[in-house]
Amino acid sequence: MDIRRLENSLPQHNLTKALDTGTRYLRFSTAVSGRGFNNVLQEALLHSYLAVKVNRAFVFEDYVWSYSPLPYTLYDMSLRPSRMPLNAFISGPTAGGEMEHPRAIGVDFWNTVCPPSKRKVISSTDQPDNVEGSVLLDWWTTRLGRLDDRCVEIDSSKKTLFDYILQISLFGGKRILSLWPGLSKSPIYTAFKWSPLVDSALKKNLNVIDPTASEKTTLDDSTIIPGLVAIHLRRGDFKGHCKFLIRWKADYMGFNRFPEMLDVLDSSKWTEPEALKRYYMTHCMPEIDQIVERLHAIRKANPGINRVYALTNGKGSWVDELKHELLKDGWLDVKSSLDMKMDSAQQHVSMAVDMAIAEKAEVFIGNG
């Protein structure tokens, strides 16, 4: 599957047609890079949502882990691609998929249809601070609505458009919740799709995820895998990251802070440092006995849940011990990211494969 060729062959990547139709474009030149896919995805979704609001074609970027000139980068004792096409991960409107609004384009086509001499570059430095997400979106909608320029580029190098660091940020705090009513009805959300590469990994591992599946079982956007609870158990570099979160008393990320959510993180009642640390580590990097206890409570509260899938980067020995304890506790089947059989291309999007599985589980427990 040549994803780069697929991306370049999208019908909106036609210069003659683009010039004839007068499509207007919006690029965010300082998008997140060198971060986890979740950070990149959440920003791309909001950027493309803003583009839809102002009826411009969003310019999507590669998923960039490193700007190294080499095709691969060494990280965590393994090689990973320095950059990958966004369509390796998703294929909905944010990545150029169909919708009634102008379709998103790739940055290579942007450089053709909008050469530097044709670009109107504006800065984010004067955007309002610490306002509700809906107010920020309206501010940008109004500002961009005044521009007739065909090619608009937002430079947010001095002030991040949608910031994501700690609880004072848009993504880290409750201010983002005001965006949900509009975003949830937008094609950016309603037409969101995982890529064919991600879907191929799901189909290839269907019997790993769901041992009860038959050859006739299909996976589509509405599929729920019966009896499955998915749990995110981040290890590795999270040991250090959890200490950072404790120091800043970080809360759950924004969209996990709706008042209707079953779980709430409240650090205010812990004043003694060691007690605060224990509280956070239970949420951030729980021990095996704590995981077993939590899943036992979930099974008791949700009759019919009898299988576990762990989204994890934990070492094999740790995962094996976890499986042993969960099976001893009465779970019918326990699988993890380590059980998935994937080729090299699928392996490079394994984080998206895990996210797609979690999306289809009856119950999902996030890594708080």
Protein backbone atom coordinates (compact mmCIF):
# COMPACT_ATOMS: atom_id res chain seq x y z
CA MET A 1 0.00 0.00 0.00
CA ASP A 2 1.70 3.19 -1.23
CA ILE A 3 0.11 5.70 1.13
CA ARG A 4 2.12 8.65 -0.16
CA ARG A 5 0.87 7.99 -3.69
CA LEU A 6 -2.69 7.57 -2.40
CA GLU A 7 -2.44 10.91 -0.61
CA ASN A 8 -1.02 12.71 -3.64
CA SER A 9 -3.75 11.29 -5.89
CA LEU A 10 -6.64 12.74 -3.87
CA PRO A 11 -8.97 14.51 -6.36
CA GLN A 12 -8.55 17.92 -4.72
CA HIS A 13 -4.83 17.75 -5.56
CA ASN A 14 -5.57 19.03 -9.06
CA LEU A 15 -4.05 22.43 -9.76
CA THR A 16 -6.27 23.30 -12.74
CA LYS A 17 -9.46 22.43 -10.86
CA ALA A 18 -8.29 24.21 -7.71
CA LEU A 19 -7.60 27.42 -9.63
CA ASP A 20 -10.89 27.19 -11.54
CA THR A 21 -13.01 26.67 -8.41
CA GLY A 22 -11.29 29.37 -6.40
CA THR A 23 -10.88 27.16 -3.34
CA ARG A 24 -9.47 29.03 -0.35
CA TYR A 25 -6.93 27.44 1.97
CA LEU A 26 -5.83 27.59 5.60
CA ARG A 27 -2.49 26.30 6.84
CA PHE A 28 -1.09 26.18 10.38
CA SER A 29 2.64 26.38 9.79
CA THR A 30 3.80 25.45 13.30
CA ALA A 31 1.81 22.30 13.98
CA VAL A 32 2.88 19.93 16.77
CA SER A 33 5.81 17.65 15.97
CA GLY A 34 8.04 15.32 17.96
CA ARG A 35 5.12 14.37 20.22
CA GLY A 36 2.87 11.37 20.60
CA PHE A 37 0.22 10.72 17.97
CA ASN A 38 -2.52 11.72 20.43
CA ASN A 39 -1.06 15.24 20.70
CA VAL A 40 -0.81 15.57 16.93
CA LEU A 41 -4.29 14.18 16.30
CA GLN A 42 -6.13 16.37 18.80
CA GLU A 43 -4.52 19.49 17.37
CA ALA A 44 -5.18 18.47 13.75
CA LEU A 45 -8.85 17.84 14.55
CA LEU A 46 -9.31 21.34 16.00
CA HIS A 47 -7.29 23.00 13.24
CA SER A 48 -9.41 21.30 10.58
CA TYR A 49 -12.59 22.15 12.51
CA LEU A 50 -11.63 25.84 12.40
CA ALA A 51 -10.98 25.51 8.65
CA VAL A 52 -14.47 24.06 8.18
CA LYS A 53 -15.97 26.94 10.19
CA VAL A 54 -14.44 29.50 7.82
CA ASN A 55 -15.10 27.39 4.69
CA ARG A 56 -11.46 26.95 3.79
CA ALA A 57 -9.57 23.79 2.85
CA PHE A 58 -7.40 22.66 5.75
CA VAL A 59 -3.74 21.93 4.93
CA PHE A 60 -2.73 18.71 6.66
CA GLU A 61 0.85 17.82 7.51
CA ASP A 62 2.85 14.62 7.89
CA TYR A 63 3.13 13.08 11.33
CA VAL A 64 6.64 14.30 12.10
CA TRP A 65 8.61 12.66 14.87
CA SER A 66 11.94 14.17 13.84
CA TYR A 67 13.15 16.66 11.24
CA SER A 68 16.23 14.53 10.72
CA PRO A 69 17.18 14.15 7.04
CA LEU A 70 17.37 10.40 7.67
CA PRO A 71 14.23 8.30 7.06
CA TYR A 72 14.40 6.71 10.53
CA THR A 73 15.09 8.00 14.03
CA LEU A 74 16.37 6.04 17.01
CA TYR A 75 13.96 6.27 19.96
CA ASP A 76 13.57 4.03 23.01
CA MET A 77 16.15 1.60 21.58
CA SER A 78 14.27 1.08 18.32
CA LEU A 79 13.99 2.71 14.91
CA ARG A 80 10.87 4.65 13.98
CA PRO A 81 10.09 6.65 10.81
CA SER A 82 11.15 10.28 11.09
CA ARG A 83 7.92 11.27 9.33
CA MET A 84 4.83 9.49 8.01
CA PRO A 85 1.84 10.52 5.87
CA LEU A 86 -1.20 11.47 7.95
CA ASN A 87 -3.22 9.05 5.82
CA ALA A 88 -1.25 6.20 7.35
CA PHE A 89 -3.26 6.89 10.50
CA ILE A 90 -6.58 8.44 9.50
CA SER A 91 -8.53 8.99 6.30
CA GLY A 92 -11.50 11.19 7.27
CA PRO A 93 -12.01 14.88 6.42
CA THR A 94 -8.98 16.02 8.44
CA ALA A 95 -6.78 13.96 6.10
CA GLY A 96 -8.53 14.96 2.87
CA GLY A 97 -11.58 12.70 3.00
CA GLU A 98 -14.94 13.62 1.49
CA MET A 99 -17.24 16.25 2.99
CA GLU A 100 -19.51 19.04 1.77
CA HIS A 101 -16.95 21.70 2.72
CA PRO A 102 -13.70 22.28 0.80
CA ARG A 103 -11.62 19.14 1.16
CA ALA A 104 -8.30 19.23 3.01
CA ILE A 105 -5.09 19.18 1.01
CA GLY A 106 -1.58 17.94 1.75
CA VAL A 107 1.27 20.35 2.39
CA ASP A 108 3.01 19.38 -0.88
CA PHE A 109 0.02 20.56 -2.91
CA TRP A 110 -0.19 23.68 -0.74
CA ASN A 111 3.35 24.55 -1.82
CA THR A 112 2.19 24.27 -5.44
CA VAL A 113 -1.16 26.04 -5.30
CA CYS A 114 -0.02 28.59 -2.72
CA PRO A 115 3.62 29.56 -3.40
CA PRO A 116 5.19 31.89 -0.79
CA SER A 117 4.46 34.98 -2.87
CA LYS A 118 0.72 34.23 -2.75
CA ARG A 119 0.42 33.64 1.00
CA LYS A 120 -1.10 35.93 3.59
CA VAL A 121 0.73 35.12 6.86
CA ILE A 122 -0.92 36.19 10.11
CA SER A 123 0.31 35.74 13.66
CA SER A 124 -1.49 34.28 16.66
CA THR A 125 0.22 36.62 19.13
CA ASP A 126 -2.85 38.81 19.65
CA GLN A 127 -5.35 36.00 20.23
CA PRO A 128 -7.10 36.22 23.63
CA ASP A 129 -5.67 34.30 26.59
CA ASN A 130 -7.44 31.92 28.98
CA VAL A 131 -10.88 32.21 27.37
CA GLU A 132 -13.45 29.51 26.73
CA GLY A 133 -12.69 27.34 23.72
CA SER A 134 -15.86 28.53 22.00
CA VAL A 135 -14.82 32.17 22.49
CA LEU A 136 -11.37 31.47 21.03
CA LEU A 137 -12.91 29.68 18.05
CA ASP A 138 -15.33 32.55 17.44
CA TRP A 139 -12.46 35.04 17.65
CA TRP A 140 -10.53 33.17 14.96
CA THR A 141 -13.66 32.66 12.85
CA THR A 142 -14.29 36.41 12.87
CA ARG A 143 -10.67 37.29 12.14
CA LEU A 144 -10.33 34.82 9.28
CA GLY A 145 -13.74 35.80 7.94
CA ARG A 146 -12.41 39.30 7.22
CA LEU A 147 -9.73 37.96 4.88
CA ASP A 148 -10.31 37.57 1.15
CA ASP A 149 -6.85 36.17 0.50
CA ARG A 150 -6.91 32.76 -1.11
CA CYS A 151 -3.95 31.35 0.81
CA VAL A 152 -3.83 32.11 4.52
CA GLU A 153 -1.15 30.80 6.85
CA ILE A 154 -1.27 31.13 10.64
CA ASP A 155 2.10 31.46 12.33
CA SER A 156 1.76 30.34 15.95
CA SER A 157 5.48 30.06 16.72
CA LYS A 158 5.26 32.73 19.44
CA LYS A 159 1.88 31.72 20.86
CA THR A 160 0.38 28.26 20.38
CA LEU A 161 -3.06 28.43 18.82
CA PHE A 162 -4.55 25.55 20.82
CA ASP A 163 -2.09 24.92 23.65
CA TYR A 164 -1.81 21.54 25.32
CA ILE A 165 0.73 21.87 28.16
CA LEU A 166 -0.70 21.24 31.65
CA GLN A 167 -4.12 22.01 33.06
CA ILE A 168 -3.98 25.74 32.27
CA SER A 169 -3.98 24.92 28.55
CA LEU A 170 -6.96 24.53 26.26
CA PHE A 171 -6.54 20.76 25.87
CA GLY A 172 -5.57 20.26 29.50
CA GLY A 173 -8.42 22.20 31.10
CA LYS A 174 -12.18 22.52 31.05
CA ARG A 175 -12.20 25.43 28.61
CA ILE A 176 -12.21 22.98 25.70
CA LEU A 177 -15.56 21.49 26.74
CA SER A 178 -17.44 24.46 25.25
CA LEU A 179 -16.24 23.34 21.80
CA TRP A 180 -17.93 19.95 22.05
CA PRO A 181 -21.50 20.89 20.96
CA GLY A 182 -20.23 22.22 17.62
CA LEU A 183 -17.37 19.80 17.09
CA SER A 184 -19.55 16.76 17.77
CA LYS A 185 -21.86 17.78 14.89
CA SER A 186 -19.06 18.72 12.52
CA PRO A 187 -17.96 16.36 9.70
CA ILE A 188 -14.52 16.48 11.31
CA TYR A 189 -16.00 14.30 14.04
CA THR A 190 -19.02 12.62 12.43
CA ALA A 191 -17.06 11.47 9.35
CA PHE A 192 -13.85 10.60 11.19
CA LYS A 193 -12.31 7.36 9.95
CA TRP A 194 -9.24 5.31 10.66
CA SER A 195 -6.99 4.64 7.69
CA PRO A 196 -7.16 1.51 5.51
CA LEU A 197 -3.79 0.53 7.02
CA VAL A 198 -5.21 0.66 10.56
CA ASP A 199 -8.35 -1.19 9.43
CA SER A 200 -6.21 -3.89 7.81
CA ALA A 201 -4.41 -4.50 11.11
CA LEU A 202 -7.75 -4.80 12.91
CA LYS A 203 -9.07 -7.31 10.41
CA LYS A 204 -5.84 -9.29 10.49
CA ASN A 205 -6.05 -9.57 14.29
CA LEU A 206 -9.78 -9.93 14.71
CA ASN A 207 -9.46 -13.32 16.40
CA VAL A 208 -6.84 -11.92 18.75
CA ILE A 209 -9.15 -9.10 19.78
CA ASP A 210 -12.30 -11.22 19.76
CA PRO A 211 -11.80 -15.01 19.92
CA THR A 212 -15.56 -15.45 19.40
CA ALA A 213 -15.46 -13.77 15.97
CA SER A 214 -16.22 -15.80 12.85
CA GLU A 215 -15.21 -15.32 9.22
CA LYS A 216 -18.50 -13.45 8.70
CA THR A 217 -17.77 -10.93 11.46
CA THR A 218 -17.31 -7.43 10.06
CA LEU A 219 -15.74 -4.37 11.61
CA ASP A 220 -17.26 -1.02 10.68
CA ASP A 221 -17.55 2.38 12.35
CA SER A 222 -20.45 1.24 14.55
CA THR A 223 -19.01 -2.13 15.62
CA ILE A 224 -18.83 -2.80 19.35
CA ILE A 225 -16.81 -5.85 20.37
CA PRO A 226 -18.99 -7.71 22.88
CA GLY A 227 -17.59 -8.57 26.30
CA LEU A 228 -14.40 -6.55 25.89
CA VAL A 229 -12.89 -3.99 28.25
CA ALA A 230 -9.88 -2.10 26.89
CA ILE A 231 -7.43 -0.54 29.33
CA HIS A 232 -4.55 1.80 28.56
CA LEU A 233 -1.46 0.91 30.60
CA ARG A 234 1.39 3.20 29.61
CA ARG A 235 4.80 2.18 30.94
CA GLY A 236 8.35 3.00 29.86
CA ASP A 237 8.87 6.77 29.68
CA PHE A 238 5.70 7.35 31.69
CA LYS A 239 7.59 6.64 34.90
CA GLY A 240 9.35 9.98 34.51
CA HIS A 241 6.35 11.72 32.98
CA CYS A 242 4.15 10.80 35.96
CA LYS A 243 6.56 12.63 38.27
CA PHE A 244 6.17 15.71 36.08
CA LEU A 245 2.37 15.45 36.31
CA ILE A 246 2.52 15.10 40.09
CA ARG A 247 4.74 18.16 40.42
CA TRP A 248 2.26 20.26 38.47
CA LYS A 249 -0.84 18.58 39.97
CA ALA A 250 -2.11 18.01 36.44
CA ASP A 251 -5.72 16.98 36.00
CA TYR A 252 -7.38 14.76 33.40
CA MET A 253 -7.15 16.10 29.86
CA GLY A 254 -10.00 18.38 28.79
CA PHE A 255 -12.46 16.07 27.04
CA ASN A 256 -12.16 13.66 29.98
CA ARG A 257 -13.56 16.28 32.35
CA PHE A 258 -17.23 16.36 31.48
CA PRO A 259 -19.24 16.34 34.72
CA GLU A 260 -21.03 13.19 33.51
CA MET A 261 -17.80 11.19 33.48
CA LEU A 262 -17.71 8.35 36.01
CA ASP A 263 -14.14 9.02 37.14
CA VAL A 264 -12.92 12.29 38.62
CA LEU A 265 -9.36 13.23 39.54
CA ASP A 266 -9.29 15.44 42.64
CA SER A 267 -5.83 16.15 44.02
CA SER A 268 -6.98 18.94 46.33
CA LYS A 269 -7.66 16.60 49.25
CA TRP A 270 -4.06 15.36 49.31
CA THR A 271 -1.70 17.79 51.06
CA GLU A 272 1.03 15.43 52.23
CA PRO A 273 3.57 14.85 49.39
CA GLU A 274 3.83 11.06 49.72
CA ALA A 275 0.05 10.66 49.86
CA LEU A 276 -0.30 12.86 46.78
CA LYS A 277 2.30 10.76 44.96
CA ARG A 278 0.52 7.49 45.79
CA TYR A 279 -2.78 8.96 44.61
CA TYR A 280 -1.34 10.08 41.28
CA MET A 281 0.61 6.91 40.63
CA THR A 282 -2.58 4.86 41.09
CA HIS A 283 -4.01 6.77 38.13
CA CYS A 284 -0.84 7.35 36.11
CA MET A 285 1.19 4.16 36.52
CA PRO A 286 -0.75 1.62 38.60
CA GLU A 287 0.83 -1.55 39.94
CA ILE A 288 -0.46 -4.96 38.84
CA ASP A 289 -2.49 -5.55 42.03
CA GLN A 290 -4.19 -2.16 41.56
CA ILE A 291 -5.00 -2.98 37.93
CA VAL A 292 -6.49 -6.33 38.93
CA GLU A 293 -8.60 -4.68 41.62
CA ARG A 294 -9.86 -1.97 39.25
CA LEU A 295 -10.76 -4.40 36.50
CA HIS A 296 -12.48 -6.69 39.00
CA ALA A 297 -14.72 -3.77 40.00
CA ILE A 298 -15.43 -2.97 36.34
CA ARG A 299 -16.45 -6.59 35.65
CA LYS A 300 -18.74 -6.60 38.67
CA ALA A 301 -20.40 -3.36 37.55
CA ASN A 302 -20.78 -4.49 33.93
CA PRO A 303 -22.22 -8.01 33.67
CA GLY A 304 -21.16 -9.67 30.42
CA ILE A 305 -17.68 -8.13 30.37
CA ASN A 306 -15.30 -11.08 30.48
CA ARG A 307 -12.26 -10.26 28.30
CA VAL A 308 -9.45 -7.72 28.61
CA TYR A 309 -7.34 -5.97 25.98
CA ALA A 310 -4.41 -3.95 27.34
CA LEU A 311 -3.06 -1.08 25.25
CA THR A 312 0.50 -1.07 26.52
CA ASN A 313 4.16 -0.56 25.79
CA GLY A 314 5.11 -2.62 28.82
CA LYS A 315 7.84 -5.23 28.69
CA GLY A 316 6.86 -8.81 27.90
CA SER A 317 7.68 -10.11 31.37
CA TRP A 318 5.51 -7.44 33.00
CA VAL A 319 2.61 -8.11 30.62
CA ASP A 320 2.89 -11.86 31.23
CA GLU A 321 2.63 -11.31 34.98
CA LEU A 322 -0.38 -9.05 34.50
CA LYS A 323 -2.09 -11.67 32.32
CA HIS A 324 -1.42 -14.38 34.92
CA GLU A 325 -3.00 -12.33 37.71
CA LEU A 326 -6.02 -11.31 35.63
CA LEU A 327 -6.74 -14.87 34.52
CA LYS A 328 -6.40 -15.98 38.14
CA ASP A 329 -8.97 -13.33 39.04
CA GLY A 330 -11.50 -14.92 36.68
CA TRP A 331 -11.13 -13.20 33.34
CA LEU A 332 -11.91 -15.46 30.39
CA ASP A 333 -9.25 -14.03 28.08
CA VAL A 334 -6.51 -11.41 28.32
CA LYS A 335 -4.70 -9.96 25.32
CA SER A 336 -2.41 -6.97 24.83
CA SER A 337 -0.67 -4.89 22.18
CA LEU A 338 2.14 -7.45 22.32
CA ASP A 339 -0.18 -10.18 20.97
CA MET A 340 -0.96 -8.32 17.76
CA LYS A 341 0.52 -9.75 14.55
CA MET A 342 1.41 -6.89 12.25
CA ASP A 343 3.73 -6.23 9.35
CA SER A 344 6.23 -3.37 9.55
CA ALA A 345 3.86 -0.77 8.07
CA GLN A 346 1.08 -1.73 10.48
CA GLN A 347 3.53 -1.76 13.38
CA HIS A 348 4.43 1.88 12.71
CA VAL A 349 0.76 2.86 13.28
CA SER A 350 0.25 0.49 16.20
CA MET A 351 -0.78 3.34 18.51
CA ALA A 352 -3.70 4.11 16.18
CA VAL A 353 -4.57 0.40 15.98
CA ASP A 354 -4.77 0.32 19.78
CA MET A 355 -6.94 3.45 19.79
CA ALA A 356 -9.30 1.87 17.25
CA ILE A 357 -9.64 -1.25 19.44
CA ALA A 358 -10.35 0.86 22.52
CA GLU A 359 -13.00 2.74 20.54
CA LYS A 360 -14.79 -0.53 19.77
CA ALA A 361 -14.63 -2.03 23.28
CA GLU A 362 -17.75 -2.11 25.44
CA VAL A 363 -15.81 -0.38 28.23
CA PHE A 364 -12.64 1.70 28.05
CA ILE A 365 -10.42 2.65 30.99
CA GLY A 366 -7.97 5.44 30.18
CA ASN A 367 -4.54 5.94 31.66
CA GLY A 368 -5.27 8.87 33.99
